[in-house]
């Protein structure tokens, strides 16, 4: 009996299936790797604001301008996208609308009684349509081409329009501005540039005049806050002028 009791004690201690129970193990606390330091964002130096250089050069006025103020007339509307119908008195009409900072402008070129003309009309909501504002006329019949270009020239978005006329191997151009809340104003005029070209830049115009040796003299027309000024001549041998 004493041996049987001893056997029962051994069975209870080793497990009911007669296999030795695994010895309890002491669980070590998990070791955590030290946290890696997070890289601190490097602060970039604040760029120093740059002030554009002052506009220099000769003040350019409107003497000899192509365009003259046109007295207002009845308002005209464009229907069906056919702007040529707005000018029944013109032959060979070319026309388009431009969106400027000051509002909408409608330009047209053609022939009135055989004379080349260019016209600018502005949209007047109170009048219910476009009303005449400026007109140029070539009584001498010398014009060979007319371009009307929108231009960002005074720092108020697309706030200007340039009318370029080619004549007798030369070019002349007028610059007008139109900012929100104001009228379309003739600001500057340049004339008789030999094989003249005009390139629209951000905040300025570059004019090119042939020098007779295959190169062009370039001058920059820019707004100083009150007037347009023409910078000194910059000549680059072999410079490529923009298309006429």
C-alpha atoms as a PDB file:
ATOM      1  CA  UNK A   1       0.000   0.000   0.000  1.00  0.00           C
ATOM      2  CA  UNK A   2       2.788   2.326   0.852  1.00  0.00           C
ATOM      3  CA  UNK A   3       4.296   1.803  -2.580  1.00  0.00           C
ATOM      4  CA  UNK A   4       0.915   2.407  -4.304  1.00  0.00           C
ATOM      5  CA  UNK A   5       0.435   5.699  -2.552  1.00  0.00           C
ATOM      6  CA  UNK A   6       3.871   6.790  -3.594  1.00  0.00           C
ATOM      7  CA  UNK A   7       3.080   5.907  -7.217  1.00  0.00           C
ATOM      8  CA  UNK A   8      -0.105   8.041  -7.159  1.00  0.00           C
ATOM      9  CA  UNK A   9       1.813  11.008  -5.860  1.00  0.00           C
ATOM     10  CA  UNK A  10       4.327  10.656  -8.679  1.00  0.00           C
ATOM     11  CA  UNK A  11       1.567  10.415 -11.319  1.00  0.00           C
ATOM     12  CA  UNK A  12      -0.179  13.557 -10.039  1.00  0.00           C
ATOM     13  CA  UNK A  13       3.013  15.523 -10.058  1.00  0.00           C
ATOM     14  CA  UNK A  14       4.115  14.482 -13.589  1.00  0.00           C
ATOM     15  CA  UNK A  15       0.773  14.777 -15.419  1.00  0.00           C
ATOM     16  CA  UNK A  16      -2.141  12.582 -16.223  1.00  0.00           C
ATOM     17  CA  UNK A  17      -0.515  11.173 -19.366  1.00  0.00           C
ATOM     18  CA  UNK A  18       2.526   9.961 -17.553  1.00  0.00           C
ATOM     19  CA  UNK A  19       4.888  12.409 -19.252  1.00  0.00           C
ATOM     20  CA  UNK A  20       6.966  14.768 -17.187  1.00  0.00           C
ATOM     21  CA  UNK A  21       5.528  18.293 -17.011  1.00  0.00           C
ATOM     22  CA  UNK A  22       7.734  20.990 -18.382  1.00  0.00           C
ATOM     23  CA  UNK A  23       9.576  22.870 -15.783  1.00  0.00           C
ATOM     24  CA  UNK A  24       8.268  26.393 -15.285  1.00  0.00           C
ATOM     25  CA  UNK A  25      10.448  28.983 -16.937  1.00  0.00           C
ATOM     26  CA  UNK A  26      11.137  32.471 -15.743  1.00  0.00           C
ATOM     27  CA  UNK A  27      10.107  34.977 -18.440  1.00  0.00           C
ATOM     28  CA  UNK A  28      12.619  37.750 -18.823  1.00  0.00           C
ATOM     29  CA  UNK A  29      11.210  41.179 -19.480  1.00  0.00           C
ATOM     30  CA  UNK A  30      11.597  42.023 -23.158  1.00  0.00           C
ATOM     31  CA  UNK A  31      14.492  44.240 -23.893  1.00  0.00           C
ATOM     32  CA  UNK A  32      13.511  47.324 -25.889  1.00  0.00           C
ATOM     33  CA  UNK A  33      16.003  48.919 -28.196  1.00  0.00           C
ATOM     34  CA  UNK A  34      16.649  52.553 -27.378  1.00  0.00           C
ATOM     35  CA  UNK A  35      14.551  54.885 -29.524  1.00  0.00           C
ATOM     36  CA  UNK A  36      16.466  56.393 -32.358  1.00  0.00           C
ATOM     37  CA  UNK A  37      16.479  60.165 -32.313  1.00  0.00           C
ATOM     38  CA  UNK A  38      14.174  61.622 -34.930  1.00  0.00           C
ATOM     39  CA  UNK A  39      15.871  63.896 -37.402  1.00  0.00           C
ATOM     40  CA  UNK A  40      14.876  67.452 -36.808  1.00  0.00           C
ATOM     41  CA  UNK A  41      13.720  69.307 -39.884  1.00  0.00           C
ATOM     42  CA  UNK A  42      16.240  71.829 -40.938  1.00  0.00           C
ATOM     43  CA  UNK A  43      14.729  75.261 -41.215  1.00  0.00           C
ATOM     44  CA  UNK A  44      15.379  76.841 -44.577  1.00  0.00           C
ATOM     45  CA  UNK A  45      16.393  80.450 -44.486  1.00  0.00           C
ATOM     46  CA  UNK A  46      13.602  82.812 -45.419  1.00  0.00           C
ATOM     47  CA  UNK A  47      14.375  84.241 -48.852  1.00  0.00           C
ATOM     48  CA  UNK A  48      14.964  87.928 -48.829  1.00  0.00           C
ATOM     49  CA  UNK A  49      12.346  89.688 -50.946  1.00  0.00           C
ATOM     50  CA  UNK A  50      13.822  91.234 -54.005  1.00  0.00           C
ATOM     51  CA  UNK A  51      12.829  94.660 -55.193  1.00  0.00           C
ATOM     52  CA  UNK A  52      12.749  95.041 -58.956  1.00  0.00           C
ATOM     53  CA  UNK A  53      15.176  97.612 -60.248  1.00  0.00           C
ATOM     54  CA  UNK A  54      13.690 101.048 -60.876  1.00  0.00           C
ATOM     55  CA  UNK A  55      12.441 101.758 -64.373  1.00  0.00           C
ATOM     56  CA  UNK A  56      14.798 104.149 -66.102  1.00  0.00           C
ATOM     57  CA  UNK A  57      14.990 105.796 -69.489  1.00  0.00           C
ATOM     58  CA  UNK A  58      13.256 108.537 -71.421  1.00  0.00           C
ATOM     59  CA  UNK A  59       9.574 109.230 -70.799  1.00  0.00           C
ATOM     60  CA  UNK A  60       7.478 108.255 -73.814  1.00  0.00           C
ATOM     61  CA  UNK A  61       4.347 110.266 -74.604  1.00  0.00           C
ATOM     62  CA  UNK A  62       1.603 109.953 -77.185  1.00  0.00           C
ATOM     63  CA  UNK A  63       2.939 112.308 -79.861  1.00  0.00           C
ATOM     64  CA  UNK A  64       2.518 110.794 -83.313  1.00  0.00           C
ATOM     65  CA  UNK A  65       0.093 108.138 -82.097  1.00  0.00           C
ATOM     66  CA  UNK A  66      -1.748 106.011 -84.627  1.00  0.00           C
ATOM     67  CA  UNK A  67      -4.956 106.033 -82.626  1.00  0.00           C
ATOM     68  CA  UNK A  68      -7.217 108.962 -81.858  1.00  0.00           C
ATOM     69  CA  UNK A  69     -10.124 109.094 -79.462  1.00  0.00           C
ATOM     70  CA  UNK A  70     -13.368 108.189 -81.197  1.00  0.00           C
ATOM     71  CA  UNK A  71     -16.596 109.775 -80.006  1.00  0.00           C
ATOM     72  CA  UNK A  72     -19.021 107.304 -78.540  1.00  0.00           C
ATOM     73  CA  UNK A  73     -21.736 105.918 -80.749  1.00  0.00           C
ATOM     74  CA  UNK A  74     -24.602 103.483 -80.392  1.00  0.00           C
ATOM     75  CA  UNK A  75     -23.780 100.297 -78.515  1.00  0.00           C
ATOM     76  CA  UNK A  76     -23.121  97.238 -80.661  1.00  0.00           C
ATOM     77  CA  UNK A  77     -23.636  93.612 -79.719  1.00  0.00           C
ATOM     78  CA  UNK A  78     -21.982  90.479 -81.041  1.00  0.00           C
ATOM     79  CA  UNK A  79     -24.479  87.759 -81.909  1.00  0.00           C
ATOM     80  CA  UNK A  80     -23.589  84.201 -82.734  1.00  0.00           C
ATOM     81  CA  UNK A  81     -19.886  84.906 -82.315  1.00  0.00           C
ATOM     82  CA  UNK A  82     -19.819  86.864 -85.591  1.00  0.00           C
ATOM     83  CA  UNK A  83     -17.923  90.020 -84.692  1.00  0.00           C
ATOM     84  CA  UNK A  84     -17.619  91.043 -88.362  1.00  0.00           C
ATOM     85  CA  UNK A  85     -21.355  91.759 -88.388  1.00  0.00           C
ATOM     86  CA  UNK A  86     -20.705  94.550 -85.872  1.00  0.00           C
ATOM     87  CA  UNK A  87     -18.859  96.503 -88.589  1.00  0.00           C
ATOM     88  CA  UNK A  88     -21.093  96.583 -91.670  1.00  0.00           C
ATOM     89  CA  UNK A  89     -19.270  99.659 -92.973  1.00  0.00           C
ATOM     90  CA  UNK A  90     -15.895  97.861 -93.171  1.00  0.00           C
ATOM     91  CA  UNK A  91     -14.629  95.598 -95.935  1.00  0.00           C
ATOM     92  CA  UNK A  92     -12.186  92.745 -95.281  1.00  0.00           C
ATOM     93  CA  UNK A  93     -12.898  92.743 -91.550  1.00  0.00           C
ATOM     94  CA  UNK A  94     -10.589  91.051 -89.053  1.00  0.00           C
ATOM     95  CA  UNK A  95     -11.835  91.235 -85.470  1.00  0.00           C
ATOM     96  CA  UNK A  96     -11.700  89.589 -82.071  1.00  0.00           C
ATOM     97  CA  UNK A  97     -12.593  90.215 -78.441  1.00  0.00           C
ATOM     98  CA  UNK A  98      -9.954  90.582 -75.722  1.00  0.00           C
ATOM     99  CA  UNK A  99     -10.417  90.219 -71.978  1.00  0.00           C
ATOM    100  CA  UNK A 100      -8.343  92.807 -70.137  1.00  0.00           C
ATOM    101  CA  UNK A 101      -8.074  93.630 -66.468  1.00  0.00           C
ATOM    102  CA  UNK A 102     -10.406  96.578 -66.976  1.00  0.00           C
ATOM    103  CA  UNK A 103     -13.051  94.753 -69.000  1.00  0.00           C
ATOM    104  CA  UNK A 104     -13.767  93.416 -72.459  1.00  0.00           C
ATOM    105  CA  UNK A 105     -12.455  95.035 -75.615  1.00  0.00           C
ATOM    106  CA  UNK A 106     -13.432  94.427 -79.242  1.00  0.00           C
ATOM    107  CA  UNK A 107     -10.913  95.281 -81.962  1.00  0.00           C
ATOM    108  CA  UNK A 108     -11.348  95.320 -85.710  1.00  0.00           C
ATOM    109  CA  UNK A 109      -9.291  96.136 -88.791  1.00  0.00           C
ATOM    110  CA  UNK A 110     -10.530  96.550 -92.350  1.00  0.00           C
ATOM    111  CA  UNK A 111     -11.173  99.145 -95.019  1.00  0.00           C
ATOM    112  CA  UNK A 112     -13.539 102.092 -94.750  1.00  0.00           C
ATOM    113  CA  UNK A 113     -14.105 103.826 -98.071  1.00  0.00           C
ATOM    114  CA  UNK A 114     -10.869 102.247 -99.276  1.00  0.00           C
ATOM    115  CA  UNK A 115      -8.778 103.481 -96.336  1.00  0.00           C
ATOM    116  CA  UNK A 116      -7.199 100.968 -93.911  1.00  0.00           C
ATOM    117  CA  UNK A 117      -8.609 101.465 -90.416  1.00  0.00           C
ATOM    118  CA  UNK A 118      -8.227 100.002 -86.953  1.00  0.00           C
ATOM    119  CA  UNK A 119     -10.899 100.351 -84.290  1.00  0.00           C
ATOM    120  CA  UNK A 120     -11.128  99.639 -80.575  1.00  0.00           C
ATOM    121  CA  UNK A 121     -14.483  99.319 -78.811  1.00  0.00           C
ATOM    122  CA  UNK A 122     -15.050  98.699 -75.103  1.00  0.00           C
ATOM    123  CA  UNK A 123     -17.881  96.793 -73.493  1.00  0.00           C
ATOM    124  CA  UNK A 124     -20.196  99.165 -71.605  1.00  0.00           C
ATOM    125  CA  UNK A 125     -22.714  97.114 -69.591  1.00  0.00           C
ATOM    126  CA  UNK A 126     -24.807 100.229 -68.909  1.00  0.00           C
ATOM    127  CA  UNK A 127     -25.126 100.855 -72.644  1.00  0.00           C
ATOM    128  CA  UNK A 128     -25.832  97.196 -73.346  1.00  0.00           C
ATOM    129  CA  UNK A 129     -22.933  96.521 -75.734  1.00  0.00           C
ATOM    130  CA  UNK A 130     -19.635  97.661 -77.195  1.00  0.00           C
ATOM    131  CA  UNK A 131     -19.124 101.371 -77.765  1.00  0.00           C
ATOM    132  CA  UNK A 132     -16.426 103.018 -79.970  1.00  0.00           C
ATOM    133  CA  UNK A 133     -13.388 104.293 -78.105  1.00  0.00           C
ATOM    134  CA  UNK A 134     -10.347 104.689 -80.421  1.00  0.00           C
ATOM    135  CA  UNK A 135      -9.759 104.607 -84.168  1.00  0.00           C
ATOM    136  CA  UNK A 136      -6.744 104.832 -86.502  1.00  0.00           C
ATOM    137  CA  UNK A 137      -7.000 105.559 -90.223  1.00  0.00           C
ATOM    138  CA  UNK A 138      -4.397 105.372 -93.011  1.00  0.00           C
ATOM    139  CA  UNK A 139      -5.283 108.045 -95.550  1.00  0.00           C
ATOM    140  CA  UNK A 140      -1.945 107.518 -97.329  1.00  0.00           C
ATOM    141  CA  UNK A 141      -2.617 103.810 -97.866  1.00  0.00           C
ATOM    142  CA  UNK A 142       0.795 102.773 -96.551  1.00  0.00           C
ATOM    143  CA  UNK A 143      -0.204 100.115 -94.016  1.00  0.00           C
ATOM    144  CA  UNK A 144       0.765  96.547 -94.840  1.00  0.00           C
ATOM    145  CA  UNK A 145      -0.349  94.844 -91.646  1.00  0.00           C
ATOM    146  CA  UNK A 146      -1.955  95.432 -88.242  1.00  0.00           C
ATOM    147  CA  UNK A 147      -1.604  93.451 -85.019  1.00  0.00           C
ATOM    148  CA  UNK A 148      -3.519  93.915 -81.766  1.00  0.00           C
ATOM    149  CA  UNK A 149      -1.841  92.265 -78.773  1.00  0.00           C
ATOM    150  CA  UNK A 150      -2.909  91.952 -75.119  1.00  0.00           C
ATOM    151  CA  UNK A 151      -0.048  92.715 -72.734  1.00  0.00           C
ATOM    152  CA  UNK A 152       0.592  92.680 -68.947  1.00  0.00           C
ATOM    153  CA  UNK A 153       2.378  96.011 -68.715  1.00  0.00           C
ATOM    154  CA  UNK A 154       1.542  97.872 -65.486  1.00  0.00           C
ATOM    155  CA  UNK A 155       1.311  95.103 -62.896  1.00  0.00           C
ATOM    156  CA  UNK A 156      -2.459  94.605 -62.846  1.00  0.00           C
ATOM    157  CA  UNK A 157      -2.801  91.366 -64.776  1.00  0.00           C
ATOM    158  CA  UNK A 158      -3.525  91.665 -68.472  1.00  0.00           C
ATOM    159  CA  UNK A 159      -3.894  95.405 -68.246  1.00  0.00           C
ATOM    160  CA  UNK A 160      -2.684  96.667 -71.623  1.00  0.00           C
ATOM    161  CA  UNK A 161      -3.182  96.407 -75.348  1.00  0.00           C
ATOM    162  CA  UNK A 162      -0.616  97.096 -78.062  1.00  0.00           C
ATOM    163  CA  UNK A 163      -1.593  98.098 -81.609  1.00  0.00           C
ATOM    164  CA  UNK A 164       1.276  97.482 -84.052  1.00  0.00           C
ATOM    165  CA  UNK A 165       1.135  98.738 -87.653  1.00  0.00           C
ATOM    166  CA  UNK A 166       3.678  97.912 -90.358  1.00  0.00           C
ATOM    167  CA  UNK A 167       4.184 100.458 -93.123  1.00  0.00           C
ATOM    168  CA  UNK A 168       6.860 101.034 -95.755  1.00  0.00           C
ATOM    169  CA  UNK A 169       9.388  98.646 -94.205  1.00  0.00           C
ATOM    170  CA  UNK A 170       8.897 100.233 -90.782  1.00  0.00           C
ATOM    171  CA  UNK A 171       6.655  99.692 -87.792  1.00  0.00           C
ATOM    172  CA  UNK A 172       4.836 101.943 -85.340  1.00  0.00           C
ATOM    173  CA  UNK A 173       2.908 101.006 -82.234  1.00  0.00           C
ATOM    174  CA  UNK A 174       0.614 102.463 -79.606  1.00  0.00           C
ATOM    175  CA  UNK A 175       0.216 101.256 -76.015  1.00  0.00           C
ATOM    176  CA  UNK A 176      -3.035 101.601 -74.096  1.00  0.00           C
ATOM    177  CA  UNK A 177      -3.859 100.553 -70.540  1.00  0.00           C
ATOM    178  CA  UNK A 178      -7.119  99.552 -68.939  1.00  0.00           C
ATOM    179  CA  UNK A 179      -7.286  98.632 -65.265  1.00  0.00           C
ATOM    180  CA  UNK A 180     -10.323  97.727 -63.232  1.00  0.00           C
ATOM    181  CA  UNK A 181     -12.457 100.735 -62.412  1.00  0.00           C
ATOM    182  CA  UNK A 182     -10.789 102.999 -64.983  1.00  0.00           C
ATOM    183  CA  UNK A 183     -11.090 103.813 -68.693  1.00  0.00           C
ATOM    184  CA  UNK A 184      -9.081 102.590 -71.664  1.00  0.00           C
ATOM    185  CA  UNK A 185      -6.279 105.173 -71.925  1.00  0.00           C
ATOM    186  CA  UNK A 186      -3.758 105.826 -74.689  1.00  0.00           C
ATOM    187  CA  UNK A 187      -0.411 106.012 -72.848  1.00  0.00           C
ATOM    188  CA  UNK A 188       2.505 105.812 -75.275  1.00  0.00           C
ATOM    189  CA  UNK A 189       3.350 105.808 -78.980  1.00  0.00           C
ATOM    190  CA  UNK A 190       6.449 104.781 -80.910  1.00  0.00           C
ATOM    191  CA  UNK A 191       6.872 105.336 -84.625  1.00  0.00           C
ATOM    192  CA  UNK A 192       9.015 104.584 -87.663  1.00  0.00           C
ATOM    193  CA  UNK A 193      11.122 101.713 -86.307  1.00  0.00           C
ATOM    194  CA  UNK A 194      13.186 100.260 -89.142  1.00  0.00           C
ATOM    195  CA  UNK A 195      11.831  96.750 -89.775  1.00  0.00           C
ATOM    196  CA  UNK A 196      10.361  97.176 -86.297  1.00  0.00           C
ATOM    197  CA  UNK A 197       9.250  94.285 -84.114  1.00  0.00           C
ATOM    198  CA  UNK A 198       7.500  94.205 -80.742  1.00  0.00           C
ATOM    199  CA  UNK A 199       7.713  91.411 -78.168  1.00  0.00           C
ATOM    200  CA  UNK A 200       5.392  91.300 -75.137  1.00  0.00           C
ATOM    201  CA  UNK A 201       7.164  90.538 -71.855  1.00  0.00           C
ATOM    202  CA  UNK A 202       5.903  90.254 -68.294  1.00  0.00           C
ATOM    203  CA  UNK A 203       5.586  93.855 -67.187  1.00  0.00           C
ATOM    204  CA  UNK A 204       7.241  95.394 -70.258  1.00  0.00           C
ATOM    205  CA  UNK A 205       7.590  95.481 -74.032  1.00  0.00           C
ATOM    206  CA  UNK A 206      10.756  94.913 -76.018  1.00  0.00           C
ATOM    207  CA  UNK A 207      11.017  96.810 -79.291  1.00  0.00           C
ATOM    208  CA  UNK A 208      13.508  95.881 -82.005  1.00  0.00           C
ATOM    209  CA  UNK A 209      14.787  98.115 -84.787  1.00  0.00           C
ATOM    210  CA  UNK A 210      17.066  96.959 -87.598  1.00  0.00           C
ATOM    211  CA  UNK A 211      20.562  98.480 -87.576  1.00  0.00           C
ATOM    212  CA  UNK A 212      21.293  97.817 -91.247  1.00  0.00           C
ATOM    213  CA  UNK A 213      23.993  95.205 -90.626  1.00  0.00           C
ATOM    214  CA  UNK A 214      21.730  92.238 -89.975  1.00  0.00           C
ATOM    215  CA  UNK A 215      21.436  92.905 -86.249  1.00  0.00           C
ATOM    216  CA  UNK A 216      18.769  94.661 -84.215  1.00  0.00           C
ATOM    217  CA  UNK A 217      18.873  97.265 -81.472  1.00  0.00           C
ATOM    218  CA  UNK A 218      16.584  96.337 -78.605  1.00  0.00           C
ATOM    219  CA  UNK A 219      15.011  98.785 -76.200  1.00  0.00           C
ATOM    220  CA  UNK A 220      12.644  98.042 -73.334  1.00  0.00           C
ATOM    221  CA  UNK A 221       9.475 100.039 -72.689  1.00  0.00           C
ATOM    222  CA  UNK A 222       8.306  99.777 -69.079  1.00  0.00           C
ATOM    223  CA  UNK A 223       5.840 101.475 -66.732  1.00  0.00           C
ATOM    224  CA  UNK A 224       7.265 103.474 -63.807  1.00  0.00           C
ATOM    225  CA  UNK A 225       3.926 103.968 -62.056  1.00  0.00           C
ATOM    226  CA  UNK A 226       3.049 107.181 -63.876  1.00  0.00           C
ATOM    227  CA  UNK A 227       4.540 106.993 -67.366  1.00  0.00           C
ATOM    228  CA  UNK A 228       6.162 104.617 -69.806  1.00  0.00           C
ATOM    229  CA  UNK A 229       9.926 104.910 -70.107  1.00  0.00           C
ATOM    230  CA  UNK A 230      12.197 103.645 -72.844  1.00  0.00           C
ATOM    231  CA  UNK A 231      15.458 102.114 -71.617  1.00  0.00           C
ATOM    232  CA  UNK A 232      18.809 102.670 -73.341  1.00  0.00           C
ATOM    233  CA  UNK A 233      19.676 100.695 -76.446  1.00  0.00           C
ATOM    234  CA  UNK A 234      20.954  97.163 -75.952  1.00  0.00           C
ATOM    235  CA  UNK A 235      22.671  95.736 -79.027  1.00  0.00           C
ATOM    236  CA  UNK A 236      23.415  92.049 -79.295  1.00  0.00           C
ATOM    237  CA  UNK A 237      25.346  91.092 -82.424  1.00  0.00           C
ATOM    238  CA  UNK A 238      23.369  88.531 -84.376  1.00  0.00           C
ATOM    239  CA  UNK A 239      20.373  88.903 -82.052  1.00  0.00           C
ATOM    240  CA  UNK A 240      17.289  87.127 -83.297  1.00  0.00           C
ATOM    241  CA  UNK A 241      14.344  89.499 -83.508  1.00  0.00           C
ATOM    242  CA  UNK A 242      10.798  88.181 -83.021  1.00  0.00           C
ATOM    243  CA  UNK A 243       8.624  87.610 -86.098  1.00  0.00           C
ATOM    244  CA  UNK A 244       7.247  90.694 -87.785  1.00  0.00           C
END
